[in-house]
Amino acid sequence: MLKKTVVMAMIGALAAGAVVSATTVAFAQADVIKQRQDNRKAAGAEMRAIKGVIDSKGDAKAIVAHAAKLKELEAAFDKMFPAGSDKGETKALPTVWSDMAGFQAAGKAADAAYDKLAVAAGSGDMAAITAAFGDTGKACGACHTKYRVKQN
């Protein structure tokens, strides 16, 4: 009788552990999806700030800091797509996980565009900054086209 009670207790503990683990995984996935969304919102804010400087013909040197922040956000973003995080309220397409090498290459292309933008901003040449900003937008858009749900 004692043996049966111990076995039943172990089964109950394992079942409870499985429920907790599944719940933890679901929360972790939701957290990483929220982190991705927050990261991209921050990147969008940086891009709008850069556009504001360009449009106002403001201090070109201010764009250097925005480009640096974009690089920081991109470095973190690349790590926010663990296996299984394709479930939930995400705008990431399945191609992120089926073509991870391509997705990471798109991130590297965006990162290189941020570098060029920072160099152009450091020069103070507004024409060079505007061109580099356009290239940055294209790099961002290339990733959106292949790896993100289309916006309405």
C-alpha atoms as a PDB file:
ATOM      1  CA  MET A   1       0.000   0.000   0.000  1.00  0.00           C
ATOM      2  CA  LEU A   2       2.830   2.395   0.884  1.00  0.00           C
ATOM      3  CA  LYS A   3       4.541   1.584  -2.414  1.00  0.00           C
ATOM      4  CA  LYS A   4       1.357   2.424  -4.359  1.00  0.00           C
ATOM      5  CA  THR A   5       0.983   5.733  -2.476  1.00  0.00           C
ATOM      6  CA  VAL A   6       4.580   6.696  -3.248  1.00  0.00           C
ATOM      7  CA  VAL A   7       4.139   5.824  -6.936  1.00  0.00           C
ATOM      8  CA  MET A   8       0.904   7.847  -7.125  1.00  0.00           C
ATOM      9  CA  ALA A   9       2.584  10.797  -5.415  1.00  0.00           C
ATOM     10  CA  MET A  10       5.450  10.644  -7.926  1.00  0.00           C
ATOM     11  CA  ILE A  11       3.022  10.537 -10.847  1.00  0.00           C
ATOM     12  CA  GLY A  12       1.148  13.521  -9.415  1.00  0.00           C
ATOM     13  CA  ALA A  13       4.387  15.463  -8.957  1.00  0.00           C
ATOM     14  CA  LEU A  14       5.477  14.702 -12.513  1.00  0.00           C
ATOM     15  CA  ALA A  15       2.107  15.785 -13.901  1.00  0.00           C
ATOM     16  CA  ALA A  16       2.213  19.013 -11.892  1.00  0.00           C
ATOM     17  CA  GLY A  17       5.740  19.631 -13.115  1.00  0.00           C
ATOM     18  CA  ALA A  18       4.645  19.127 -16.711  1.00  0.00           C
ATOM     19  CA  VAL A  19       1.823  21.646 -16.293  1.00  0.00           C
ATOM     20  CA  VAL A  20       4.184  24.182 -14.701  1.00  0.00           C
ATOM     21  CA  SER A  21       6.758  23.606 -17.452  1.00  0.00           C
ATOM     22  CA  ALA A  22       4.174  24.072 -20.205  1.00  0.00           C
ATOM     23  CA  THR A  23       2.903  27.228 -18.539  1.00  0.00           C
ATOM     24  CA  THR A  24       6.451  28.533 -18.122  1.00  0.00           C
ATOM     25  CA  VAL A  25       7.197  27.897 -21.797  1.00  0.00           C
ATOM     26  CA  ALA A  26       4.001  29.711 -22.819  1.00  0.00           C
ATOM     27  CA  PHE A  27       4.921  32.694 -20.625  1.00  0.00           C
ATOM     28  CA  ALA A  28       8.487  32.673 -21.949  1.00  0.00           C
ATOM     29  CA  GLN A  29       7.200  32.690 -25.535  1.00  0.00           C
ATOM     30  CA  ALA A  30       4.841  35.551 -24.769  1.00  0.00           C
ATOM     31  CA  ASP A  31       7.705  37.433 -23.103  1.00  0.00           C
ATOM     32  CA  VAL A  32      10.043  37.037 -26.084  1.00  0.00           C
ATOM     33  CA  ILE A  33       7.293  38.070 -28.490  1.00  0.00           C
ATOM     34  CA  LYS A  34       6.651  41.183 -26.367  1.00  0.00           C
ATOM     35  CA  GLN A  35      10.405  41.858 -26.278  1.00  0.00           C
ATOM     36  CA  ARG A  36      10.536  41.620 -30.081  1.00  0.00           C
ATOM     37  CA  GLN A  37       7.583  43.987 -30.422  1.00  0.00           C
ATOM     38  CA  ASP A  38       9.078  46.477 -27.970  1.00  0.00           C
ATOM     39  CA  ASN A  39      12.430  46.260 -29.761  1.00  0.00           C
ATOM     40  CA  ARG A  40      10.888  47.035 -33.143  1.00  0.00           C
ATOM     41  CA  LYS A  41       8.802  49.879 -31.688  1.00  0.00           C
ATOM     42  CA  ALA A  42      12.015  51.369 -30.318  1.00  0.00           C
ATOM     43  CA  ALA A  43      13.716  50.910 -33.701  1.00  0.00           C
ATOM     44  CA  GLY A  44      10.787  52.662 -35.392  1.00  0.00           C
ATOM     45  CA  ALA A  45      11.094  55.542 -32.933  1.00  0.00           C
ATOM     46  CA  GLU A  46      14.807  55.863 -33.762  1.00  0.00           C
ATOM     47  CA  MET A  47      14.033  55.911 -37.496  1.00  0.00           C
ATOM     48  CA  ARG A  48      11.367  58.604 -36.980  1.00  0.00           C
ATOM     49  CA  ALA A  49      13.818  60.661 -34.927  1.00  0.00           C
ATOM     50  CA  ILE A  50      16.404  60.425 -37.716  1.00  0.00           C
ATOM     51  CA  LYS A  51      13.777  61.430 -40.285  1.00  0.00           C
ATOM     52  CA  GLY A  52      12.902  64.403 -38.105  1.00  0.00           C
ATOM     53  CA  VAL A  53      16.520  65.565 -38.061  1.00  0.00           C
ATOM     54  CA  ILE A  54      16.796  65.154 -41.832  1.00  0.00           C
ATOM     55  CA  ASP A  55      13.508  66.950 -42.517  1.00  0.00           C
ATOM     56  CA  SER A  56      14.390  69.854 -40.226  1.00  0.00           C
ATOM     57  CA  LYS A  57      17.968  69.968 -41.522  1.00  0.00           C
ATOM     58  CA  GLY A  58      18.941  69.687 -37.868  1.00  0.00           C
ATOM     59  CA  ASP A  59      22.162  68.644 -36.186  1.00  0.00           C
ATOM     60  CA  ALA A  60      23.520  65.782 -38.280  1.00  0.00           C
ATOM     61  CA  LYS A  61      25.734  64.645 -35.405  1.00  0.00           C
ATOM     62  CA  ALA A  62      22.587  63.725 -33.416  1.00  0.00           C
ATOM     63  CA  ILE A  63      21.943  60.970 -35.962  1.00  0.00           C
ATOM     64  CA  VAL A  64      25.133  59.200 -34.888  1.00  0.00           C
ATOM     65  CA  ALA A  65      23.524  58.371 -31.523  1.00  0.00           C
ATOM     66  CA  HIS A  66      20.326  57.199 -33.215  1.00  0.00           C
ATOM     67  CA  ALA A  67      22.299  54.919 -35.545  1.00  0.00           C
ATOM     68  CA  ALA A  68      24.201  53.510 -32.558  1.00  0.00           C
ATOM     69  CA  LYS A  69      20.892  52.774 -30.809  1.00  0.00           C
ATOM     70  CA  LEU A  70      19.616  51.031 -33.941  1.00  0.00           C
ATOM     71  CA  LYS A  71      22.726  48.807 -33.920  1.00  0.00           C
ATOM     72  CA  GLU A  72      22.152  47.993 -30.256  1.00  0.00           C
ATOM     73  CA  LEU A  73      18.517  47.110 -30.893  1.00  0.00           C
ATOM     74  CA  GLU A  74      19.433  44.955 -33.908  1.00  0.00           C
ATOM     75  CA  ALA A  75      22.041  43.003 -31.924  1.00  0.00           C
ATOM     76  CA  ALA A  76      19.409  42.165 -29.305  1.00  0.00           C
ATOM     77  CA  PHE A  77      16.661  41.493 -31.867  1.00  0.00           C
ATOM     78  CA  ASP A  78      18.647  38.791 -33.608  1.00  0.00           C
ATOM     79  CA  LYS A  79      18.545  36.694 -30.420  1.00  0.00           C
ATOM     80  CA  MET A  80      14.781  36.998 -29.850  1.00  0.00           C
ATOM     81  CA  PHE A  81      13.651  34.126 -32.067  1.00  0.00           C
ATOM     82  CA  PRO A  82      14.170  30.897 -30.123  1.00  0.00           C
ATOM     83  CA  ALA A  83      12.559  27.717 -31.372  1.00  0.00           C
ATOM     84  CA  GLY A  84       8.889  27.643 -30.463  1.00  0.00           C
ATOM     85  CA  SER A  85       8.489  31.415 -30.285  1.00  0.00           C
ATOM     86  CA  ASP A  86       6.512  31.372 -33.510  1.00  0.00           C
ATOM     87  CA  LYS A  87       3.303  30.717 -31.561  1.00  0.00           C
ATOM     88  CA  GLY A  88       1.233  33.536 -30.131  1.00  0.00           C
ATOM     89  CA  GLU A  89       0.531  37.099 -31.197  1.00  0.00           C
ATOM     90  CA  THR A  90       3.528  37.549 -33.437  1.00  0.00           C
ATOM     91  CA  LYS A  91       3.903  39.208 -36.817  1.00  0.00           C
ATOM     92  CA  ALA A  92       6.943  37.097 -37.626  1.00  0.00           C
ATOM     93  CA  LEU A  93       6.365  34.776 -40.562  1.00  0.00           C
ATOM     94  CA  PRO A  94       7.314  31.079 -40.384  1.00  0.00           C
ATOM     95  CA  THR A  95      10.156  31.860 -42.812  1.00  0.00           C
ATOM     96  CA  VAL A  96      12.072  33.370 -39.876  1.00  0.00           C
ATOM     97  CA  TRP A  97      12.531  29.855 -38.473  1.00  0.00           C
ATOM     98  CA  SER A  98      12.633  27.933 -41.764  1.00  0.00           C
ATOM     99  CA  ASP A  99      15.246  30.325 -43.205  1.00  0.00           C
ATOM    100  CA  MET A 100      17.103  31.441 -40.081  1.00  0.00           C
ATOM    101  CA  ALA A 101      20.339  31.933 -42.050  1.00  0.00           C
ATOM    102  CA  GLY A 102      18.574  34.285 -44.451  1.00  0.00           C
ATOM    103  CA  PHE A 103      16.883  36.094 -41.582  1.00  0.00           C
ATOM    104  CA  GLN A 104      20.204  36.595 -39.824  1.00  0.00           C
ATOM    105  CA  ALA A 105      21.790  37.785 -43.087  1.00  0.00           C
ATOM    106  CA  ALA A 106      19.005  40.362 -43.425  1.00  0.00           C
ATOM    107  CA  GLY A 107      19.800  41.525 -39.896  1.00  0.00           C
ATOM    108  CA  LYS A 108      23.473  41.852 -40.804  1.00  0.00           C
ATOM    109  CA  ALA A 109      22.529  43.900 -43.877  1.00  0.00           C
ATOM    110  CA  ALA A 110      20.487  46.242 -41.676  1.00  0.00           C
ATOM    111  CA  ASP A 111      23.390  46.455 -39.233  1.00  0.00           C
ATOM    112  CA  ALA A 112      25.750  47.405 -42.081  1.00  0.00           C
ATOM    113  CA  ALA A 113      23.260  50.077 -43.189  1.00  0.00           C
ATOM    114  CA  TYR A 114      23.280  51.519 -39.653  1.00  0.00           C
ATOM    115  CA  ASP A 115      27.079  51.713 -39.825  1.00  0.00           C
ATOM    116  CA  LYS A 116      26.929  53.617 -43.112  1.00  0.00           C
ATOM    117  CA  LEU A 117      24.303  55.926 -41.673  1.00  0.00           C
ATOM    118  CA  ALA A 118      26.514  56.667 -38.655  1.00  0.00           C
ATOM    119  CA  VAL A 119      29.504  57.417 -40.905  1.00  0.00           C
ATOM    120  CA  ALA A 120      27.404  59.713 -43.094  1.00  0.00           C
ATOM    121  CA  ALA A 121      26.021  61.452 -39.999  1.00  0.00           C
ATOM    122  CA  GLY A 122      29.530  61.896 -38.641  1.00  0.00           C
ATOM    123  CA  SER A 123      30.492  63.658 -41.872  1.00  0.00           C
ATOM    124  CA  GLY A 124      27.692  66.194 -41.454  1.00  0.00           C
ATOM    125  CA  ASP A 125      26.870  65.924 -45.175  1.00  0.00           C
ATOM    126  CA  MET A 126      23.061  66.014 -45.284  1.00  0.00           C
ATOM    127  CA  ALA A 127      22.935  64.592 -48.835  1.00  0.00           C
ATOM    128  CA  ALA A 128      25.046  61.596 -47.737  1.00  0.00           C
ATOM    129  CA  ILE A 129      22.886  61.189 -44.632  1.00  0.00           C
ATOM    130  CA  THR A 130      19.699  61.256 -46.685  1.00  0.00           C
ATOM    131  CA  ALA A 131      21.076  58.615 -49.079  1.00  0.00           C
ATOM    132  CA  ALA A 132      22.269  56.423 -46.189  1.00  0.00           C
ATOM    133  CA  PHE A 133      18.896  56.802 -44.473  1.00  0.00           C
ATOM    134  CA  GLY A 134      17.198  55.634 -47.678  1.00  0.00           C
ATOM    135  CA  ASP A 135      19.489  52.605 -47.809  1.00  0.00           C
ATOM    136  CA  THR A 136      18.706  51.888 -44.162  1.00  0.00           C
ATOM    137  CA  GLY A 137      15.000  51.968 -44.931  1.00  0.00           C
ATOM    138  CA  LYS A 138      15.530  49.560 -47.818  1.00  0.00           C
ATOM    139  CA  ALA A 139      17.475  47.162 -45.578  1.00  0.00           C
ATOM    140  CA  CYS A 140      14.714  47.270 -42.980  1.00  0.00           C
ATOM    141  CA  GLY A 141      12.050  46.844 -45.652  1.00  0.00           C
ATOM    142  CA  ALA A 142      13.797  43.840 -47.190  1.00  0.00           C
ATOM    143  CA  CYS A 143      13.477  42.013 -43.899  1.00  0.00           C
ATOM    144  CA  HIS A 144       9.841  43.065 -43.484  1.00  0.00           C
ATOM    145  CA  THR A 145       9.010  41.818 -46.978  1.00  0.00           C
ATOM    146  CA  LYS A 146      10.261  38.284 -46.424  1.00  0.00           C
ATOM    147  CA  TYR A 147       9.992  37.737 -42.682  1.00  0.00           C
ATOM    148  CA  ARG A 148       7.060  39.803 -41.396  1.00  0.00           C
ATOM    149  CA  VAL A 149       3.301  39.679 -41.886  1.00  0.00           C
ATOM    150  CA  LYS A 150       2.205  42.370 -44.331  1.00  0.00           C
ATOM    151  CA  GLN A 151       0.652  45.476 -42.792  1.00  0.00           C
ATOM    152  CA  ASN A 152      -2.750  46.653 -44.016  1.00  0.00           C
END
